[in-house]
Amino acid sequence: MSQICKNRTVIITGAGGGLGRAHALAFAAEGANVVINDINQEAADAVVAEITGSGGTAVANRYDITDYAASAKAVDEVIAHFGDVHVIVNNAGINRDKMFASMSEDDWDAIMSVHLKGHFCTSSNAVKYWRGKAKAGEQPNARIINTTSGAGLQGSVGQSNYAAAKAGIIALTLNQAAELGRYGITANAIAPAARTGMTTAVEAMASYMAKPEDDSFDYWSAGNVSPLLVWLGSEDSAAVTGRVFESEGGKLSIADGWRTTEGLDKGARWEPAEIGSAVEQLIEKEVPAQKVYGS
């Protein structure tokens, strides 16, 4: 059976466990050269051993995804080692959950650094390399795959920092897709729902997402999400860009983004006293948004 990512090189951030590890195993099974990035060297080495022990190709990398210079060095090293890089999977993330009224500046900054800046650094350095190839007449078949969340799509009580960062990643993905297609680069995002260390940190969620004791379908397995990423990382997905996919269990869907409604046009400036009535009419005609998680 053919492998859809044969000889493609993929960098996966936060690949020492959870979704990142599942993605790494899935890419390796489809013939990719996999770079396991994680701040936990022991965890990264364990995933590399798991892949190489099964006949796959993988190396570990511990660079700080929030450090632009370190990210540049890491991309250069990957290219020197494998001869090229084709896919960036921005997966690494952390939580600093607090209600907004109790959130500290450090709670906010940590999330923005790891999620938003972390998505920028590796991708930016890879894009510079791909753009250089395109300008030299060698059209890349490159992929950026970003990780957002249902929290970024509709909000999540107690996670205003995380939700804001994940919403920012969606907007970043749309811009990347619009700007980078000319260089042979696609950009898509996924909003996964799976059992990981982050999602099961709360006891109730750990129980809800627990692995079944029998041989039935493991609905919340992180491995259920990975086939979508592997396909998006393949050459087969060249026509798909600027999409936000949701993946949960055996279900795939595309998130339908913000759209401008029909609206009301007075044809002149509104008076403040008129706005209340206009807003009432607008709300009556709109399709209600999904509820914020936890509300």
Protein backbone atom coordinates (compact mmCIF):
# COMPACT_ATOMS: atom_id res chain seq x y z
CA MET A 1 0.00 0.00 0.00
CA SER A 2 1.35 3.45 -0.91
CA GLN A 3 2.24 5.93 1.83
CA ILE A 4 0.76 9.38 1.19
CA CYS A 5 3.58 11.28 2.93
CA LYS A 6 6.50 9.18 1.67
CA ASN A 7 9.78 11.15 2.02
CA ARG A 8 8.02 14.34 3.16
CA THR A 9 9.64 15.99 6.17
CA VAL A 10 7.35 17.30 8.91
CA ILE A 11 8.14 19.32 12.03
CA ILE A 12 5.60 18.76 14.82
CA THR A 13 5.77 21.01 17.88
CA GLY A 14 4.74 19.62 21.23
CA ALA A 15 5.09 16.08 19.88
CA GLY A 16 6.30 14.43 23.08
CA GLY A 17 2.80 13.41 24.13
CA GLY A 18 -0.92 13.75 23.55
CA LEU A 19 -2.06 14.90 20.13
CA GLY A 20 1.47 15.71 18.98
CA ARG A 21 2.67 12.17 19.66
CA ALA A 22 -0.37 10.73 17.87
CA HIS A 23 0.29 12.98 14.86
CA ALA A 24 3.96 11.96 14.81
CA LEU A 25 3.14 8.24 14.81
CA ALA A 26 0.56 8.72 12.07
CA PHE A 27 2.89 10.75 9.83
CA ALA A 28 5.69 8.23 10.33
CA ALA A 29 3.35 5.37 9.41
CA GLU A 30 2.69 7.18 6.13
CA GLY A 31 6.39 7.44 5.29
CA ALA A 32 7.23 10.93 6.57
CA ASN A 33 10.51 11.99 8.15
CA VAL A 34 9.27 13.30 11.49
CA VAL A 35 10.91 15.94 13.67
CA ILE A 36 9.69 15.59 17.26
CA ASN A 37 9.85 18.98 18.96
CA ASP A 38 9.17 19.11 22.68
CA ILE A 39 10.64 20.95 25.65
CA ASN A 40 10.68 17.59 27.45
CA GLN A 41 13.71 15.87 25.93
CA GLU A 42 12.92 12.53 27.55
CA ALA A 43 9.39 12.54 26.11
CA ALA A 44 10.67 13.55 22.65
CA ASP A 45 13.32 10.80 22.70
CA ALA A 46 10.69 8.24 23.69
CA VAL A 47 8.53 9.11 20.66
CA VAL A 48 11.58 8.96 18.39
CA ALA A 49 12.41 5.49 19.77
CA GLU A 50 8.82 4.40 19.23
CA ILE A 51 8.90 5.49 15.59
CA THR A 52 12.37 4.19 14.73
CA GLY A 53 11.62 0.95 16.52
CA SER A 54 8.77 0.42 14.07
CA GLY A 55 10.97 1.14 11.07
CA GLY A 56 10.13 4.82 10.70
CA THR A 57 12.37 7.89 10.53
CA ALA A 58 12.38 10.47 13.32
CA VAL A 59 14.68 12.83 15.18
CA ALA A 60 14.17 14.85 18.36
CA ASN A 61 14.44 18.61 18.67
CA ARG A 62 14.09 20.68 21.83
CA TYR A 63 14.14 24.25 20.51
CA ASP A 64 11.96 26.89 22.19
CA ILE A 65 9.04 27.58 19.85
CA THR A 66 8.65 31.08 21.35
CA ASP A 67 12.25 32.03 20.42
CA TYR A 68 12.45 33.26 16.83
CA ALA A 69 16.20 32.75 16.44
CA ALA A 70 16.03 29.27 17.94
CA SER A 71 13.20 28.39 15.56
CA ALA A 72 15.28 29.60 12.60
CA LYS A 73 18.21 27.45 13.70
CA ALA A 74 15.93 24.44 14.13
CA VAL A 75 14.45 24.80 10.63
CA ASP A 76 17.95 25.16 9.18
CA GLU A 77 19.11 22.02 11.00
CA VAL A 78 16.13 20.02 9.74
CA ILE A 79 16.83 21.08 6.16
CA ALA A 80 20.51 20.21 6.56
CA HIS A 81 19.64 16.79 7.98
CA PHE A 82 16.81 15.74 5.65
CA GLY A 83 17.50 17.96 2.65
CA ASP A 84 14.14 19.74 2.80
CA VAL A 85 11.11 20.50 4.96
CA HIS A 86 7.56 20.21 3.67
CA VAL A 87 5.13 20.48 6.60
CA ILE A 88 4.89 22.49 9.81
CA VAL A 89 2.40 21.22 12.38
CA ASN A 90 1.94 23.83 15.11
CA ASN A 91 0.58 21.74 17.96
CA ALA A 92 2.36 22.78 21.17
CA GLY A 93 0.21 24.45 23.80
CA ILE A 94 -0.34 25.09 27.49
CA ASN A 95 -3.23 26.06 29.75
CA ARG A 96 -3.42 28.83 32.36
CA ASP A 97 -7.13 28.64 33.15
CA LYS A 98 -8.66 31.38 35.27
CA MET A 99 -11.89 33.32 35.29
CA PHE A 100 -11.28 36.67 33.60
CA ALA A 101 -11.71 38.67 36.81
CA SER A 102 -8.94 36.61 38.45
CA MET A 103 -6.56 36.36 35.50
CA SER A 104 -3.06 37.78 35.94
CA GLU A 105 -0.89 39.43 33.33
CA ASP A 106 1.44 36.41 33.50
CA ASP A 107 -1.49 34.06 32.82
CA TRP A 108 -2.31 36.10 29.71
CA ASP A 109 1.24 36.51 28.45
CA ALA A 110 2.18 32.85 28.84
CA ILE A 111 -0.74 31.71 26.67
CA MET A 112 -0.11 34.35 24.01
CA SER A 113 3.57 33.44 23.89
CA VAL A 114 3.19 29.67 23.51
CA HIS A 115 0.09 29.65 21.31
CA LEU A 116 0.22 32.76 19.13
CA LYS A 117 3.95 33.49 19.04
CA GLY A 118 4.68 29.77 18.97
CA HIS A 119 2.55 29.44 15.85
CA PHE A 120 4.37 32.37 14.29
CA CYS A 121 8.03 31.52 14.89
CA THR A 122 8.42 28.11 13.26
CA SER A 123 6.02 28.89 10.43
CA SER A 124 7.67 32.21 9.64
CA ASN A 125 11.12 30.66 9.33
CA ALA A 126 9.83 27.81 7.17
CA VAL A 127 7.94 30.29 4.96
CA LYS A 128 11.13 32.28 4.36
CA TYR A 129 12.78 29.08 3.12
CA TRP A 130 9.81 28.13 0.93
CA ARG A 131 9.50 31.62 -0.51
CA GLY A 132 13.17 31.51 -1.41
CA LYS A 133 12.63 28.24 -3.26
CA ALA A 134 9.63 29.68 -5.11
CA LYS A 135 11.56 32.78 -6.17
CA ALA A 136 14.35 30.53 -7.43
CA GLY A 137 11.84 28.78 -9.69
CA GLU A 138 11.31 25.66 -7.58
CA GLN A 139 7.65 25.64 -6.52
CA PRO A 140 7.24 24.09 -3.06
CA ASN A 141 4.32 21.83 -2.18
CA ALA A 142 4.33 23.03 1.41
CA ARG A 143 1.88 22.89 4.27
CA ILE A 144 1.18 24.83 7.47
CA ILE A 145 -1.22 23.07 9.82
CA ASN A 146 -2.29 25.12 12.84
CA THR A 147 -4.10 23.99 15.97
CA THR A 148 -7.06 25.97 17.21
CA SER A 149 -9.89 24.87 19.51
CA GLY A 150 -13.61 24.98 20.04
CA ALA A 151 -12.73 27.61 22.63
CA GLY A 152 -11.39 29.80 19.83
CA LEU A 153 -14.47 29.19 17.72
CA GLN A 154 -17.07 30.01 20.35
CA GLY A 155 -15.38 30.89 23.64
CA SER A 156 -14.97 28.94 26.86
CA VAL A 157 -15.79 30.08 30.39
CA GLY A 158 -12.63 30.24 32.49
CA GLN A 159 -10.36 30.31 29.45
CA SER A 160 -10.51 33.84 28.06
CA ASN A 161 -6.74 33.90 27.44
CA TYR A 162 -6.76 30.50 25.70
CA ALA A 163 -9.92 31.31 23.72
CA ALA A 164 -8.48 34.63 22.53
CA ALA A 165 -5.22 32.98 21.44
CA LYS A 166 -7.02 30.17 19.63
CA ALA A 167 -9.29 32.68 17.87
CA GLY A 168 -6.16 34.57 16.84
CA ILE A 169 -4.77 31.36 15.34
CA ILE A 170 -7.88 31.07 13.16
CA ALA A 171 -7.39 34.61 11.82
CA LEU A 172 -3.68 33.89 11.32
CA THR A 173 -4.56 30.79 9.28
CA LEU A 174 -6.91 32.74 7.02
CA ASN A 175 -4.23 35.36 6.38
CA GLN A 176 -1.54 32.76 5.73
CA ALA A 177 -3.77 31.01 3.21
CA ALA A 178 -4.56 34.28 1.41
CA GLU A 179 -0.95 35.46 1.27
CA LEU A 180 1.13 32.31 0.80
CA GLY A 181 -0.63 30.41 -1.97
CA ARG A 182 1.54 32.17 -4.56
CA TYR A 183 4.55 30.37 -3.07
CA GLY A 184 3.00 26.91 -3.15
CA ILE A 185 2.07 26.95 0.54
CA THR A 186 -1.32 26.00 1.98
CA ALA A 187 -2.49 26.85 5.51
CA ASN A 188 -5.29 25.13 7.38
CA ALA A 189 -6.29 24.78 11.02
CA ILE A 190 -7.80 22.00 13.08
CA ALA A 191 -9.95 22.20 16.20
CA PRO A 192 -9.49 18.78 17.79
CA ALA A 193 -11.48 17.17 20.58
CA ALA A 194 -9.52 14.36 22.19
CA ARG A 195 -8.20 12.87 25.40
CA THR A 196 -4.90 14.57 26.29
CA GLY A 197 -3.11 15.77 29.37
CA MET A 198 -4.62 19.22 28.89
CA THR A 199 -8.21 18.10 28.40
CA THR A 200 -8.20 15.56 31.25
CA ALA A 201 -6.58 17.82 33.85
CA VAL A 202 -10.09 18.35 35.25
CA GLU A 203 -11.36 15.22 37.00
CA ALA A 204 -14.82 15.42 35.44
CA MET A 205 -13.33 15.59 31.93
CA ALA A 206 -10.94 12.72 32.69
CA SER A 207 -13.91 10.56 33.63
CA TYR A 208 -15.99 11.68 30.65
CA MET A 209 -13.19 11.03 28.16
CA ALA A 210 -11.94 7.80 29.71
CA LYS A 211 -10.88 4.97 27.42
CA PRO A 212 -13.57 2.27 27.18
CA GLU A 213 -12.81 -0.90 29.11
CA ASP A 214 -14.03 -3.11 26.26
CA ASP A 215 -12.94 -3.25 22.62
CA SER A 216 -15.47 -0.65 21.46
CA PHE A 217 -14.46 2.46 19.51
CA ASP A 218 -12.29 4.76 21.64
CA TYR A 219 -14.17 7.94 20.77
CA TRP A 220 -11.77 10.35 22.51
CA SER A 221 -8.49 8.80 21.35
CA ALA A 222 -6.01 11.42 20.10
CA GLY A 223 -5.24 9.07 17.22
CA ASN A 224 -8.68 9.72 15.74
CA VAL A 225 -7.62 13.29 14.88
CA SER A 226 -4.29 12.48 13.24
CA PRO A 227 -5.44 11.03 9.87
CA LEU A 228 -6.85 14.45 8.94
CA LEU A 229 -3.49 16.10 9.63
CA VAL A 230 -1.58 13.48 7.68
CA TRP A 231 -3.82 14.05 4.66
CA LEU A 232 -3.52 17.83 5.00
CA GLY A 233 0.26 17.39 5.11
CA SER A 234 0.32 15.30 1.95
CA GLU A 235 0.59 16.46 -1.66
CA ASP A 236 -3.00 15.28 -2.14
CA SER A 237 -4.36 18.29 -0.21
CA ALA A 238 -2.88 20.99 -2.48
CA ALA A 239 -6.31 22.40 -3.40
CA VAL A 240 -7.45 22.85 0.22
CA THR A 241 -6.39 26.00 2.06
CA GLY A 242 -7.84 28.55 4.47
CA ARG A 243 -10.12 26.00 6.15
CA VAL A 244 -10.80 25.33 9.82
CA PHE A 245 -11.60 21.68 10.41
CA GLU A 246 -13.15 20.16 13.52
CA SER A 247 -12.34 16.56 14.42
CA GLU A 248 -13.98 14.56 17.19
CA GLY A 249 -14.21 10.78 17.37
CA GLY A 250 -15.13 9.64 13.88
CA LYS A 251 -16.65 12.98 12.87
CA LEU A 252 -15.05 15.56 10.57
CA SER A 253 -16.59 18.97 9.91
CA ILE A 254 -15.64 22.43 8.69
CA ALA A 255 -16.25 25.38 10.98
CA ASP A 256 -18.35 28.05 9.30
CA GLY A 257 -16.78 31.40 10.15
CA TRP A 258 -18.06 34.89 10.81
CA ARG A 259 -20.22 36.19 7.97
CA THR A 260 -21.76 39.62 7.42
CA THR A 261 -25.54 39.43 7.65
CA GLU A 262 -28.00 41.28 5.42
CA GLY A 263 -28.11 44.14 7.88
CA LEU A 264 -30.19 47.33 7.92
CA ASP A 265 -29.21 50.30 5.79
CA LYS A 266 -30.89 53.60 6.66
CA GLY A 267 -29.06 55.40 3.86
CA ALA A 268 -28.10 58.11 6.33
CA ARG A 269 -26.45 58.49 9.74
CA TRP A 270 -28.26 56.74 12.56
CA GLU A 271 -29.39 58.70 15.59
CA PRO A 272 -28.35 57.11 18.92
CA ALA A 273 -32.00 56.75 19.96
CA GLU A 274 -32.72 54.71 16.80
CA ILE A 275 -30.00 52.12 17.39
CA GLY A 276 -31.88 50.04 19.98
CA SER A 277 -34.74 49.28 17.59
CA ALA A 278 -32.31 48.53 14.75
CA VAL A 279 -30.31 46.10 16.90
CA GLU A 280 -33.53 44.34 17.93
CA GLN A 281 -34.37 43.77 14.27
CA LEU A 282 -30.85 42.55 13.50
CA ILE A 283 -30.89 40.05 16.38
CA GLU A 284 -34.32 38.75 15.39
CA LYS A 285 -33.05 37.90 11.90
CA GLU A 286 -29.64 36.47 12.79
CA VAL A 287 -28.69 32.80 13.09
CA PRO A 288 -27.77 32.46 16.80
CA ALA A 289 -24.13 31.68 17.54
CA GLN A 290 -23.22 28.47 19.32
CA LYS A 291 -23.17 28.87 23.09
CA VAL A 292 -19.92 29.63 24.85
CA TYR A 293 -18.59 26.43 26.46
CA GLY A 294 -19.57 26.33 30.12
CA SER A 295 -22.27 29.01 29.87
